[in-house]
């Protein structure tokens, strides 16, 4: 249940290359790098090769509340601080699913040309 509830965990499972069989989709071909963020310090510890722009969104919960595109590490840290200080628990925005916390995730964002 926790894997399905966490967007980071779900995308990490999808990015693992499994056996190539005709009845299983190759999900690793359609996933991107994902980083779980719990503190502002995590924003400074992105892995080498992480590219911007990036998508920043709540790791748990439904909808697009708090989701945004960030252009660099400075903007990532600023937006992370703004969103996590505003959305702390379910009473801050009822119904979006913050019962498991307000940690966030960031992933590479691909613009459609």
PDB file of N, CA and C in Angstrom:
ATOM      1  N   UNK A   1       0.818  -1.180   0.000  1.00  0.00           N
ATOM      2  CA  UNK A   1       0.000   0.000   0.000  1.00  0.00           C
ATOM      3  C   UNK A   1       0.870   1.256   0.000  1.00  0.00           C
ATOM      4  N   UNK A   2       1.956   1.235   0.769  1.00  0.00           N
ATOM      5  CA  UNK A   2       2.813   2.421   0.822  1.00  0.00           C
ATOM      6  C   UNK A   2       3.494   2.672  -0.523  1.00  0.00           C
ATOM      7  N   UNK A   3       3.826   1.624  -1.266  1.00  0.00           N
ATOM      8  CA  UNK A   3       4.419   1.817  -2.588  1.00  0.00           C
ATOM      9  C   UNK A   3       3.429   2.481  -3.517  1.00  0.00           C
ATOM     10  N   UNK A   4       2.190   2.045  -3.484  1.00  0.00           N
ATOM     11  CA  UNK A   4       1.171   2.632  -4.352  1.00  0.00           C
ATOM     12  C   UNK A   4       0.839   4.049  -3.927  1.00  0.00           C
ATOM     13  N   UNK A   5       0.942   4.364  -2.642  1.00  0.00           N
ATOM     14  CA  UNK A   5       0.610   5.693  -2.146  1.00  0.00           C
ATOM     15  C   UNK A   5       1.716   6.703  -2.432  1.00  0.00           C
ATOM     16  N   UNK A   6       2.944   6.270  -2.511  1.00  0.00           N
ATOM     17  CA  UNK A   6       4.080   7.159  -2.731  1.00  0.00           C
ATOM     18  C   UNK A   6       4.406   7.242  -4.222  1.00  0.00           C
ATOM     19  N   UNK A   7       4.354   8.432  -4.781  1.00  0.00           N
ATOM     20  CA  UNK A   7       4.680   8.611  -6.199  1.00  0.00           C
ATOM     21  C   UNK A   7       6.148   8.274  -6.464  1.00  0.00           C
ATOM     22  N   UNK A   8       7.024   8.614  -5.519  1.00  0.00           N
ATOM     23  CA  UNK A   8       8.441   8.309  -5.685  1.00  0.00           C
ATOM     24  C   UNK A   8       8.658   6.805  -5.766  1.00  0.00           C
ATOM     25  N   UNK A   9       8.097   6.068  -4.835  1.00  0.00           N
ATOM     26  CA  UNK A   9       8.259   4.614  -4.826  1.00  0.00           C
ATOM     27  C   UNK A   9       7.662   3.982  -6.081  1.00  0.00           C
ATOM     28  N   UNK A  10       6.490   4.463  -6.481  1.00  0.00           N
ATOM     29  CA  UNK A  10       5.847   3.915  -7.683  1.00  0.00           C
ATOM     30  C   UNK A  10       6.728   4.123  -8.908  1.00  0.00           C
ATOM     31  N   UNK A  11       7.241   5.334  -9.089  1.00  0.00           N
ATOM     32  CA  UNK A  11       8.082   5.605 -10.256  1.00  0.00           C
ATOM     33  C   UNK A  11       9.395   4.852 -10.201  1.00  0.00           C
ATOM     34  N   UNK A  12       9.946   4.656  -9.007  1.00  0.00           N
ATOM     35  CA  UNK A  12      11.180   3.869  -8.899  1.00  0.00           C
ATOM     36  C   UNK A  12      10.935   2.412  -9.266  1.00  0.00           C
ATOM     37  N   UNK A  13       9.792   1.853  -8.890  1.00  0.00           N
ATOM     38  CA  UNK A  13       9.452   0.486  -9.286  1.00  0.00           C
ATOM     39  C   UNK A  13       9.288   0.411 -10.804  1.00  0.00           C
ATOM     40  N   UNK A  14       8.618   1.391 -11.383  1.00  0.00           N
ATOM     41  CA  UNK A  14       8.405   1.392 -12.832  1.00  0.00           C
ATOM     42  C   UNK A  14       9.713   1.552 -13.604  1.00  0.00           C
ATOM     43  N   UNK A  15      10.697   2.214 -13.000  1.00  0.00           N
ATOM     44  CA  UNK A  15      11.961   2.443 -13.712  1.00  0.00           C
ATOM     45  C   UNK A  15      12.896   1.240 -13.693  1.00  0.00           C
ATOM     46  N   UNK A  16      12.604   0.252 -12.851  1.00  0.00           N
ATOM     47  CA  UNK A  16      13.441  -0.949 -12.817  1.00  0.00           C
ATOM     48  C   UNK A  16      13.151  -1.808 -14.035  1.00  0.00           C
ATOM     49  N   UNK A  17      14.191  -2.209 -14.699  1.00  0.00           N
ATOM     50  CA  UNK A  17      14.018  -3.046 -15.870  1.00  0.00           C
ATOM     51  C   UNK A  17      13.771  -4.477 -15.426  1.00  0.00           C
ATOM     52  N   UNK A  18      12.669  -5.008 -15.838  1.00  0.00           N
ATOM     53  CA  UNK A  18      12.328  -6.385 -15.518  1.00  0.00           C
ATOM     54  C   UNK A  18      12.645  -7.277 -16.706  1.00  0.00           C
ATOM     55  N   UNK A  19      12.095  -8.441 -16.703  1.00  0.00           N
ATOM     56  CA  UNK A  19      12.304  -9.351 -17.821  1.00  0.00           C
ATOM     57  C   UNK A  19      11.532  -8.858 -19.031  1.00  0.00           C
ATOM     58  N   UNK A  20      12.099  -9.025 -20.183  1.00  0.00           N
ATOM     59  CA  UNK A  20      11.424  -8.628 -21.409  1.00  0.00           C
ATOM     60  C   UNK A  20      10.505  -9.759 -21.861  1.00  0.00           C
ATOM     61  N   UNK A  21       9.238  -9.558 -21.644  1.00  0.00           N
ATOM     62  CA  UNK A  21       8.253 -10.518 -22.108  1.00  0.00           C
ATOM     63  C   UNK A  21       7.194  -9.777 -22.899  1.00  0.00           C
ATOM     64  N   UNK A  22       6.522 -10.455 -23.757  1.00  0.00           N
ATOM     65  CA  UNK A  22       5.566  -9.801 -24.638  1.00  0.00           C
ATOM     66  C   UNK A  22       4.351  -9.252 -23.900  1.00  0.00           C
ATOM     67  N   UNK A  23       3.996  -9.827 -22.764  1.00  0.00           N
ATOM     68  CA  UNK A  23       2.793  -9.385 -22.070  1.00  0.00           C
ATOM     69  C   UNK A  23       3.057  -8.352 -20.971  1.00  0.00           C
ATOM     70  N   UNK A  24       4.297  -7.962 -20.776  1.00  0.00           N
ATOM     71  CA  UNK A  24       4.620  -6.956 -19.767  1.00  0.00           C
ATOM     72  C   UNK A  24       5.201  -5.728 -20.457  1.00  0.00           C
ATOM     73  N   UNK A  25       4.622  -4.563 -20.211  1.00  0.00           N
ATOM     74  CA  UNK A  25       5.171  -3.352 -20.839  1.00  0.00           C
ATOM     75  C   UNK A  25       6.549  -3.014 -20.277  1.00  0.00           C
ATOM     76  N   UNK A  26       7.357  -2.389 -21.064  1.00  0.00           N
ATOM     77  CA  UNK A  26       8.706  -1.987 -20.645  1.00  0.00           C
ATOM     78  C   UNK A  26       8.636  -0.596 -20.014  1.00  0.00           C
ATOM     79  N   UNK A  27       8.160  -0.553 -18.789  1.00  0.00           N
ATOM     80  CA  UNK A  27       7.915   0.728 -18.125  1.00  0.00           C
ATOM     81  C   UNK A  27       9.188   1.537 -17.894  1.00  0.00           C
ATOM     82  N   UNK A  28      10.334   0.878 -17.817  1.00  0.00           N
ATOM     83  CA  UNK A  28      11.588   1.606 -17.592  1.00  0.00           C
ATOM     84  C   UNK A  28      11.891   2.559 -18.750  1.00  0.00           C
ATOM     85  N   UNK A  29      11.322   2.299 -19.908  1.00  0.00           N
ATOM     86  CA  UNK A  29      11.569   3.156 -21.070  1.00  0.00           C
ATOM     87  C   UNK A  29      10.804   4.481 -20.974  1.00  0.00           C
ATOM     88  N   UNK A  30       9.805   4.530 -20.120  1.00  0.00           N
ATOM     89  CA  UNK A  30       8.942   5.701 -20.047  1.00  0.00           C
ATOM     90  C   UNK A  30       8.987   6.393 -18.689  1.00  0.00           C
ATOM     91  N   UNK A  31       9.942   6.045 -17.865  1.00  0.00           N
ATOM     92  CA  UNK A  31      10.051   6.675 -16.557  1.00  0.00           C
ATOM     93  C   UNK A  31      11.278   7.589 -16.540  1.00  0.00           C
ATOM     94  N   UNK A  32      11.342   8.428 -15.548  1.00  0.00           N
ATOM     95  CA  UNK A  32      12.418   9.398 -15.443  1.00  0.00           C
ATOM     96  C   UNK A  32      13.028   9.346 -14.049  1.00  0.00           C
ATOM     97  N   UNK A  33      14.126  10.054 -13.848  1.00  0.00           N
ATOM     98  CA  UNK A  33      14.766  10.101 -12.540  1.00  0.00           C
ATOM     99  C   UNK A  33      13.850  10.804 -11.541  1.00  0.00           C
ATOM    100  N   UNK A  34      13.737  10.209 -10.349  1.00  0.00           N
ATOM    101  CA  UNK A  34      12.871  10.746  -9.305  1.00  0.00           C
ATOM    102  C   UNK A  34      13.676  10.862  -8.017  1.00  0.00           C
ATOM    103  N   UNK A  35      13.502  11.978  -7.309  1.00  0.00           N
ATOM    104  CA  UNK A  35      14.193  12.187  -6.042  1.00  0.00           C
ATOM    105  C   UNK A  35      13.152  12.540  -4.989  1.00  0.00           C
ATOM    106  N   UNK A  36      13.196  11.826  -3.868  1.00  0.00           N
ATOM    107  CA  UNK A  36      12.292  12.076  -2.752  1.00  0.00           C
ATOM    108  C   UNK A  36      12.876  13.193  -1.891  1.00  0.00           C
ATOM    109  N   UNK A  37      12.068  14.182  -1.547  1.00  0.00           N
ATOM    110  CA  UNK A  37      12.531  15.337  -0.772  1.00  0.00           C
ATOM    111  C   UNK A  37      11.746  15.441   0.526  1.00  0.00           C
ATOM    112  N   UNK A  38      12.450  15.448   1.646  1.00  0.00           N
ATOM    113  CA  UNK A  38      11.773  15.614   2.931  1.00  0.00           C
ATOM    114  C   UNK A  38      12.176  16.913   3.633  1.00  0.00           C
ATOM    115  N   UNK A  39      13.349  17.445   3.302  1.00  0.00           N
ATOM    116  CA  UNK A  39      13.816  18.703   3.886  1.00  0.00           C
ATOM    117  C   UNK A  39      14.404  19.580   2.780  1.00  0.00           C
ATOM    118  N   UNK A  40      14.619  20.847   3.100  1.00  0.00           N
ATOM    119  CA  UNK A  40      15.242  21.751   2.130  1.00  0.00           C
ATOM    120  C   UNK A  40      16.665  21.312   1.795  1.00  0.00           C
ATOM    121  N   UNK A  41      17.324  20.654   2.724  1.00  0.00           N
ATOM    122  CA  UNK A  41      18.684  20.158   2.474  1.00  0.00           C
ATOM    123  C   UNK A  41      18.695  19.113   1.361  1.00  0.00           C
ATOM    124  N   UNK A  42      17.621  18.340   1.229  1.00  0.00           N
ATOM    125  CA  UNK A  42      17.538  17.341   0.166  1.00  0.00           C
ATOM    126  C   UNK A  42      17.569  17.992  -1.217  1.00  0.00           C
ATOM    127  N   UNK A  43      17.107  19.230  -1.306  1.00  0.00           N
ATOM    128  CA  UNK A  43      17.100  19.944  -2.590  1.00  0.00           C
ATOM    129  C   UNK A  43      18.516  20.204  -3.099  1.00  0.00           C
ATOM    130  N   UNK A  44      19.472  20.237  -2.197  1.00  0.00           N
ATOM    131  CA  UNK A  44      20.862  20.480  -2.570  1.00  0.00           C
ATOM    132  C   UNK A  44      21.605  19.188  -2.900  1.00  0.00           C
ATOM    133  N   UNK A  45      20.995  18.044  -2.636  1.00  0.00           N
ATOM    134  CA  UNK A  45      21.662  16.756  -2.801  1.00  0.00           C
ATOM    135  C   UNK A  45      21.122  15.966  -3.984  1.00  0.00           C
ATOM    136  N   UNK A  46      20.785  16.641  -5.057  1.00  0.00           N
ATOM    137  CA  UNK A  46      20.301  15.940  -6.238  1.00  0.00           C
ATOM    138  C   UNK A  46      21.454  15.171  -6.873  1.00  0.00           C
ATOM    139  N   UNK A  47      21.168  14.031  -7.461  1.00  0.00           N
ATOM    140  CA  UNK A  47      22.251  13.228  -8.040  1.00  0.00           C
ATOM    141  C   UNK A  47      22.892  13.905  -9.247  1.00  0.00           C
ATOM    142  N   UNK A  48      24.127  13.544  -9.525  1.00  0.00           N
ATOM    143  CA  UNK A  48      24.801  14.058 -10.716  1.00  0.00           C
ATOM    144  C   UNK A  48      23.989  13.677 -11.940  1.00  0.00           C
ATOM    145  N   UNK A  49      23.897  14.578 -12.871  1.00  0.00           N
ATOM    146  CA  UNK A  49      23.168  14.306 -14.099  1.00  0.00           C
ATOM    147  C   UNK A  49      21.693  14.647 -14.037  1.00  0.00           C
ATOM    148  N   UNK A  50      21.204  15.096 -12.864  1.00  0.00           N
ATOM    149  CA  UNK A  50      19.797  15.486 -12.764  1.00  0.00           C
ATOM    150  C   UNK A  50      19.611  16.763 -13.566  1.00  0.00           C
ATOM    151  N   UNK A  51      18.639  16.767 -14.462  1.00  0.00           N
ATOM    152  CA  UNK A  51      18.462  17.895 -15.382  1.00  0.00           C
ATOM    153  C   UNK A  51      17.241  18.738 -15.029  1.00  0.00           C
ATOM    154  N   UNK A  52      17.371  19.998 -15.303  1.00  0.00           N
ATOM    155  CA  UNK A  52      16.270  20.948 -15.158  1.00  0.00           C
ATOM    156  C   UNK A  52      15.819  21.355 -16.541  1.00  0.00           C
ATOM    157  N   UNK A  53      14.562  21.737 -16.716  1.00  0.00           N
ATOM    158  CA  UNK A  53      13.534  21.963 -15.712  1.00  0.00           C
ATOM    159  C   UNK A  53      13.092  20.664 -15.061  1.00  0.00           C
ATOM    160  N   UNK A  54      12.499  20.818 -13.869  1.00  0.00           N
ATOM    161  CA  UNK A  54      12.034  19.662 -13.114  1.00  0.00           C
ATOM    162  C   UNK A  54      10.617  19.916 -12.612  1.00  0.00           C
ATOM    163  N   UNK A  55       9.921  18.850 -12.360  1.00  0.00           N
ATOM    164  CA  UNK A  55       8.578  18.914 -11.801  1.00  0.00           C
ATOM    165  C   UNK A  55       8.697  18.689 -10.310  1.00  0.00           C
ATOM    166  N   UNK A  56       8.057  19.516  -9.517  1.00  0.00           N
ATOM    167  CA  UNK A  56       8.034  19.381  -8.066  1.00  0.00           C
ATOM    168  C   UNK A  56       6.589  19.153  -7.671  1.00  0.00           C
ATOM    169  N   UNK A  57       6.328  18.087  -6.896  1.00  0.00           N
ATOM    170  CA  UNK A  57       4.960  17.826  -6.449  1.00  0.00           C
ATOM    171  C   UNK A  57       4.967  17.017  -5.174  1.00  0.00           C
ATOM    172  N   UNK A  58       3.833  17.034  -4.497  1.00  0.00           N
ATOM    173  CA  UNK A  58       3.694  16.254  -3.268  1.00  0.00           C
ATOM    174  C   UNK A  58       3.886  14.786  -3.577  1.00  0.00           C
ATOM    175  N   UNK A  59       4.584  14.077  -2.701  1.00  0.00           N
ATOM    176  CA  UNK A  59       4.836  12.654  -2.922  1.00  0.00           C
ATOM    177  C   UNK A  59       3.587  11.820  -2.675  1.00  0.00           C
ATOM    178  N   UNK A  60       2.793  12.208  -1.721  1.00  0.00           N
ATOM    179  CA  UNK A  60       1.553  11.500  -1.415  1.00  0.00           C
ATOM    180  C   UNK A  60       0.381  12.397  -1.766  1.00  0.00           C
ATOM    181  N   UNK A  61      -0.740  11.808  -1.947  1.00  0.00           N
ATOM    182  CA  UNK A  61      -1.937  12.592  -2.171  1.00  0.00           C
ATOM    183  C   UNK A  61      -2.367  12.612  -3.620  1.00  0.00           C
ATOM    184  N   UNK A  62      -3.521  13.181  -3.810  1.00  0.00           N
ATOM    185  CA  UNK A  62      -4.138  13.208  -5.129  1.00  0.00           C
ATOM    186  C   UNK A  62      -4.211  14.639  -5.650  1.00  0.00           C
ATOM    187  N   UNK A  63      -4.417  14.750  -6.921  1.00  0.00           N
ATOM    188  CA  UNK A  63      -4.581  16.058  -7.529  1.00  0.00           C
ATOM    189  C   UNK A  63      -3.257  16.737  -7.802  1.00  0.00           C
ATOM    190  N   UNK A  64      -3.346  17.966  -8.233  1.00  0.00           N
ATOM    191  CA  UNK A  64      -2.142  18.703  -8.608  1.00  0.00           C
ATOM    192  C   UNK A  64      -1.856  19.863  -7.659  1.00  0.00           C
ATOM    193  N   UNK A  65      -2.443  19.828  -6.486  1.00  0.00           N
ATOM    194  CA  UNK A  65      -2.202  20.892  -5.512  1.00  0.00           C
ATOM    195  C   UNK A  65      -0.713  20.918  -5.172  1.00  0.00           C
ATOM    196  N   UNK A  66      -0.082  22.067  -5.319  1.00  0.00           N
ATOM    197  CA  UNK A  66       1.331  22.214  -5.004  1.00  0.00           C
ATOM    198  C   UNK A  66       2.280  21.838  -6.124  1.00  0.00           C
ATOM    199  N   UNK A  67       1.779  21.284  -7.217  1.00  0.00           N
ATOM    200  CA  UNK A  67       2.656  20.873  -8.314  1.00  0.00           C
ATOM    201  C   UNK A  67       3.116  22.097  -9.105  1.00  0.00           C
ATOM    202  N   UNK A  68       4.399  22.116  -9.469  1.00  0.00           N
ATOM    203  CA  UNK A  68       4.922  23.227 -10.253  1.00  0.00           C
ATOM    204  C   UNK A  68       6.198  22.798 -10.980  1.00  0.00           C
ATOM    205  N   UNK A  69       6.543  23.552 -11.993  1.00  0.00           N
ATOM    206  CA  UNK A  69       7.784  23.334 -12.729  1.00  0.00           C
ATOM    207  C   UNK A  69       8.820  24.312 -12.188  1.00  0.00           C
ATOM    208  N   UNK A  70      10.016  23.805 -11.898  1.00  0.00           N
ATOM    209  CA  UNK A  70      11.106  24.656 -11.413  1.00  0.00           C
ATOM    210  C   UNK A  70      12.250  24.600 -12.420  1.00  0.00           C
ATOM    211  N   UNK A  71      12.929  25.710 -12.577  1.00  0.00           N
ATOM    212  CA  UNK A  71      13.959  25.835 -13.613  1.00  0.00           C
ATOM    213  C   UNK A  71      15.374  25.560 -13.131  1.00  0.00           C
ATOM    214  N   UNK A  72      15.602  25.615 -11.800  1.00  0.00           N
ATOM    215  CA  UNK A  72      16.955  25.401 -11.271  1.00  0.00           C
ATOM    216  C   UNK A  72      16.885  25.016  -9.795  1.00  0.00           C
ATOM    217  N   UNK A  73      18.035  24.745  -9.198  1.00  0.00           N
ATOM    218  CA  UNK A  73      18.096  24.296  -7.797  1.00  0.00           C
ATOM    219  C   UNK A  73      17.624  25.374  -6.819  1.00  0.00           C
ATOM    220  N   UNK A  74      17.921  26.620  -7.123  1.00  0.00           N
ATOM    221  CA  UNK A  74      17.513  27.714  -6.241  1.00  0.00           C
ATOM    222  C   UNK A  74      15.989  27.810  -6.198  1.00  0.00           C
ATOM    223  N   UNK A  75      15.361  27.745  -7.364  1.00  0.00           N
ATOM    224  CA  UNK A  75      13.900  27.803  -7.421  1.00  0.00           C
ATOM    225  C   UNK A  75      13.283  26.558  -6.783  1.00  0.00           C
ATOM    226  N   UNK A  76      13.928  25.406  -6.943  1.00  0.00           N
ATOM    227  CA  UNK A  76      13.448  24.172  -6.327  1.00  0.00           C
ATOM    228  C   UNK A  76      13.393  24.318  -4.809  1.00  0.00           C
ATOM    229  N   UNK A  77      14.460  24.810  -4.223  1.00  0.00           N
ATOM    230  CA  UNK A  77      14.525  24.971  -2.765  1.00  0.00           C
ATOM    231  C   UNK A  77      13.495  25.991  -2.280  1.00  0.00           C
ATOM    232  N   UNK A  78      13.339  27.073  -3.005  1.00  0.00           N
ATOM    233  CA  UNK A  78      12.379  28.125  -2.632  1.00  0.00           C
ATOM    234  C   UNK A  78      10.948  27.586  -2.681  1.00  0.00           C
ATOM    235  N   UNK A  79      10.585  26.935  -3.778  1.00  0.00           N
ATOM    236  CA  UNK A  79       9.230  26.396  -3.927  1.00  0.00           C
ATOM    237  C   UNK A  79       8.956  25.287  -2.923  1.00  0.00           C
ATOM    238  N   UNK A  80       9.955  24.430  -2.668  1.00  0.00           N
ATOM    239  CA  UNK A  80       9.810  23.368  -1.674  1.00  0.00           C
ATOM    240  C   UNK A  80       9.452  23.983  -0.326  1.00  0.00           C
ATOM    241  N   UNK A  81      10.180  25.007   0.090  1.00  0.00           N
ATOM    242  CA  UNK A  81       9.918  25.669   1.371  1.00  0.00           C
ATOM    243  C   UNK A  81       8.538  26.292   1.431  1.00  0.00           C
ATOM    244  N   UNK A  82       8.132  26.952   0.338  1.00  0.00           N
ATOM    245  CA  UNK A  82       6.807  27.579   0.301  1.00  0.00           C
ATOM    246  C   UNK A  82       5.690  26.545   0.423  1.00  0.00           C
ATOM    247  N   UNK A  83       5.795  25.486  -0.363  1.00  0.00           N
ATOM    248  CA  UNK A  83       4.720  24.487  -0.405  1.00  0.00           C
ATOM    249  C   UNK A  83       4.640  23.706   0.899  1.00  0.00           C
ATOM    250  N   UNK A  84       5.779  23.256   1.427  1.00  0.00           N
ATOM    251  CA  UNK A  84       5.743  22.451   2.649  1.00  0.00           C
ATOM    252  C   UNK A  84       5.351  23.273   3.876  1.00  0.00           C
ATOM    253  N   UNK A  85       5.595  24.567   3.852  1.00  0.00           N
ATOM    254  CA  UNK A  85       5.155  25.386   4.990  1.00  0.00           C
ATOM    255  C   UNK A  85       3.666  25.718   4.892  1.00  0.00           C
ATOM    256  N   UNK A  86       3.122  25.696   3.699  1.00  0.00           N
ATOM    257  CA  UNK A  86       1.696  25.972   3.499  1.00  0.00           C
ATOM    258  C   UNK A  86       0.845  24.717   3.654  1.00  0.00           C
ATOM    259  N   UNK A  87       1.295  23.611   3.098  1.00  0.00           N
ATOM    260  CA  UNK A  87       0.551  22.352   3.135  1.00  0.00           C
ATOM    261  C   UNK A  87       1.237  21.392   4.104  1.00  0.00           C
ATOM    262  N   UNK A  88       0.843  21.441   5.363  1.00  0.00           N
ATOM    263  CA  UNK A  88       1.479  20.621   6.383  1.00  0.00           C
ATOM    264  C   UNK A  88       0.682  19.360   6.718  1.00  0.00           C
ATOM    265  N   UNK A  89      -0.647  19.454   6.682  1.00  0.00           N
ATOM    266  CA  UNK A  89      -1.497  18.301   6.993  1.00  0.00           C
ATOM    267  C   UNK A  89      -2.848  18.461   6.306  1.00  0.00           C
ATOM    268  N   UNK A  90      -3.714  17.482   6.482  1.00  0.00           N
ATOM    269  CA  UNK A  90      -4.999  17.488   5.786  1.00  0.00           C
ATOM    270  C   UNK A  90      -5.864  18.702   6.087  1.00  0.00           C
ATOM    271  N   UNK A  91      -5.724  19.294   7.248  1.00  0.00           N
ATOM    272  CA  UNK A  91      -6.560  20.449   7.575  1.00  0.00           C
ATOM    273  C   UNK A  91      -6.168  21.691   6.764  1.00  0.00           C
ATOM    274  N   UNK A  92      -4.957  21.721   6.224  1.00  0.00           N
ATOM    275  CA  UNK A  92      -4.533  22.865   5.410  1.00  0.00           C
ATOM    276  C   UNK A  92      -5.211  22.873   4.040  1.00  0.00           C
ATOM    277  N   UNK A  93      -5.506  21.711   3.524  1.00  0.00           N
ATOM    278  CA  UNK A  93      -6.224  21.595   2.247  1.00  0.00           C
ATOM    279  C   UNK A  93      -6.942  20.239   2.260  1.00  0.00           C
ATOM    280  N   UNK A  94      -8.128  20.187   2.837  1.00  0.00           N
ATOM    281  CA  UNK A  94      -8.829  18.909   3.009  1.00  0.00           C
ATOM    282  C   UNK A  94      -9.017  18.152   1.691  1.00  0.00           C
ATOM    283  N   UNK A  95      -8.773  16.850   1.776  1.00  0.00           N
ATOM    284  CA  UNK A  95      -9.057  15.977   0.650  1.00  0.00           C
ATOM    285  C   UNK A  95      -7.897  15.670  -0.279  1.00  0.00           C
ATOM    286  N   UNK A  96      -6.730  16.303  -0.082  1.00  0.00           N
ATOM    287  CA  UNK A  96      -5.641  16.002  -1.020  1.00  0.00           C
ATOM    288  C   UNK A  96      -4.759  14.858  -0.550  1.00  0.00           C
ATOM    289  N   UNK A  97      -4.953  14.374   0.661  1.00  0.00           N
ATOM    290  CA  UNK A  97      -4.252  13.174   1.096  1.00  0.00           C
ATOM    291  C   UNK A  97      -2.933  13.395   1.787  1.00  0.00           C
ATOM    292  N   UNK A  98      -2.868  14.325   2.705  1.00  0.00           N
ATOM    293  CA  UNK A  98      -1.625  14.577   3.430  1.00  0.00           C
ATOM    294  C   UNK A  98      -1.534  13.784   4.731  1.00  0.00           C
ATOM    295  N   UNK A  99      -2.293  12.720   4.851  1.00  0.00           N
ATOM    296  CA  UNK A  99      -2.252  11.925   6.083  1.00  0.00           C
ATOM    297  C   UNK A  99      -0.905  11.235   6.269  1.00  0.00           C
ATOM    298  N   UNK A 100      -0.151  11.019   5.189  1.00  0.00           N
ATOM    299  CA  UNK A 100       1.163  10.381   5.293  1.00  0.00           C
ATOM    300  C   UNK A 100       2.293  11.399   5.261  1.00  0.00           C
ATOM    301  N   UNK A 101       1.971  12.663   5.436  1.00  0.00           N
ATOM    302  CA  UNK A 101       3.001  13.693   5.478  1.00  0.00           C
ATOM    303  C   UNK A 101       3.001  14.568   4.235  1.00  0.00           C
ATOM    304  N   UNK A 102       3.865  15.562   4.255  1.00  0.00           N
ATOM    305  CA  UNK A 102       3.923  16.508   3.145  1.00  0.00           C
ATOM    306  C   UNK A 102       5.267  16.462   2.416  1.00  0.00           C
ATOM    307  N   UNK A 103       5.910  15.306   2.435  1.00  0.00           N
ATOM    308  CA  UNK A 103       7.162  15.202   1.687  1.00  0.00           C
ATOM    309  C   UNK A 103       6.861  15.400   0.204  1.00  0.00           C
ATOM    310  N   UNK A 104       7.890  15.733  -0.545  1.00  0.00           N
ATOM    311  CA  UNK A 104       7.696  16.033  -1.959  1.00  0.00           C
ATOM    312  C   UNK A 104       8.630  15.188  -2.801  1.00  0.00           C
ATOM    313  N   UNK A 105       8.430  15.250  -4.082  1.00  0.00           N
ATOM    314  CA  UNK A 105       9.298  14.563  -5.029  1.00  0.00           C
ATOM    315  C   UNK A 105       9.596  15.518  -6.168  1.00  0.00           C
ATOM    316  N   UNK A 106      10.723  15.314  -6.781  1.00  0.00           N
ATOM    317  CA  UNK A 106      11.047  16.064  -7.985  1.00  0.00           C
ATOM    318  C   UNK A 106      11.510  15.077  -9.045  1.00  0.00           C
ATOM    319  N   UNK A 107      11.185  15.397 -10.265  1.00  0.00           N
ATOM    320  CA  UNK A 107      11.550  14.535 -11.375  1.00  0.00           C
ATOM    321  C   UNK A 107      11.826  15.400 -12.593  1.00  0.00           C
ATOM    322  N   UNK A 108      12.620  14.877 -13.494  1.00  0.00           N
ATOM    323  CA  UNK A 108      12.922  15.629 -14.706  1.00  0.00           C
ATOM    324  C   UNK A 108      11.634  15.882 -15.467  1.00  0.00           C
ATOM    325  N   UNK A 109      11.518  17.063 -16.020  1.00  0.00           N
ATOM    326  CA  UNK A 109      10.323  17.474 -16.747  1.00  0.00           C
ATOM    327  C   UNK A 109      10.670  17.557 -18.222  1.00  0.00           C
ATOM    328  N   UNK A 110       9.905  16.895 -19.028  1.00  0.00           N
ATOM    329  CA  UNK A 110      10.147  16.897 -20.470  1.00  0.00           C
ATOM    330  C   UNK A 110       9.095  17.749 -21.146  1.00  0.00           C
ATOM    331  N   UNK A 111       9.544  18.771 -21.822  1.00  0.00           N
ATOM    332  CA  UNK A 111       8.617  19.641 -22.557  1.00  0.00           C
ATOM    333  C   UNK A 111       8.346  19.023 -23.908  1.00  0.00           C
ATOM    334  N   UNK A 112       7.134  19.134 -24.309  1.00  0.00           N
ATOM    335  CA  UNK A 112       6.751  18.629 -25.614  1.00  0.00           C
ATOM    336  C   UNK A 112       7.024  19.691 -26.659  1.00  0.00           C
ATOM    337  N   UNK A 113       7.759  19.337 -27.692  1.00  0.00           N
ATOM    338  CA  UNK A 113       8.095  20.316 -28.736  1.00  0.00           C
ATOM    339  C   UNK A 113       7.009  20.393 -29.771  1.00  0.00           C
TER     340      UNK A 113
END
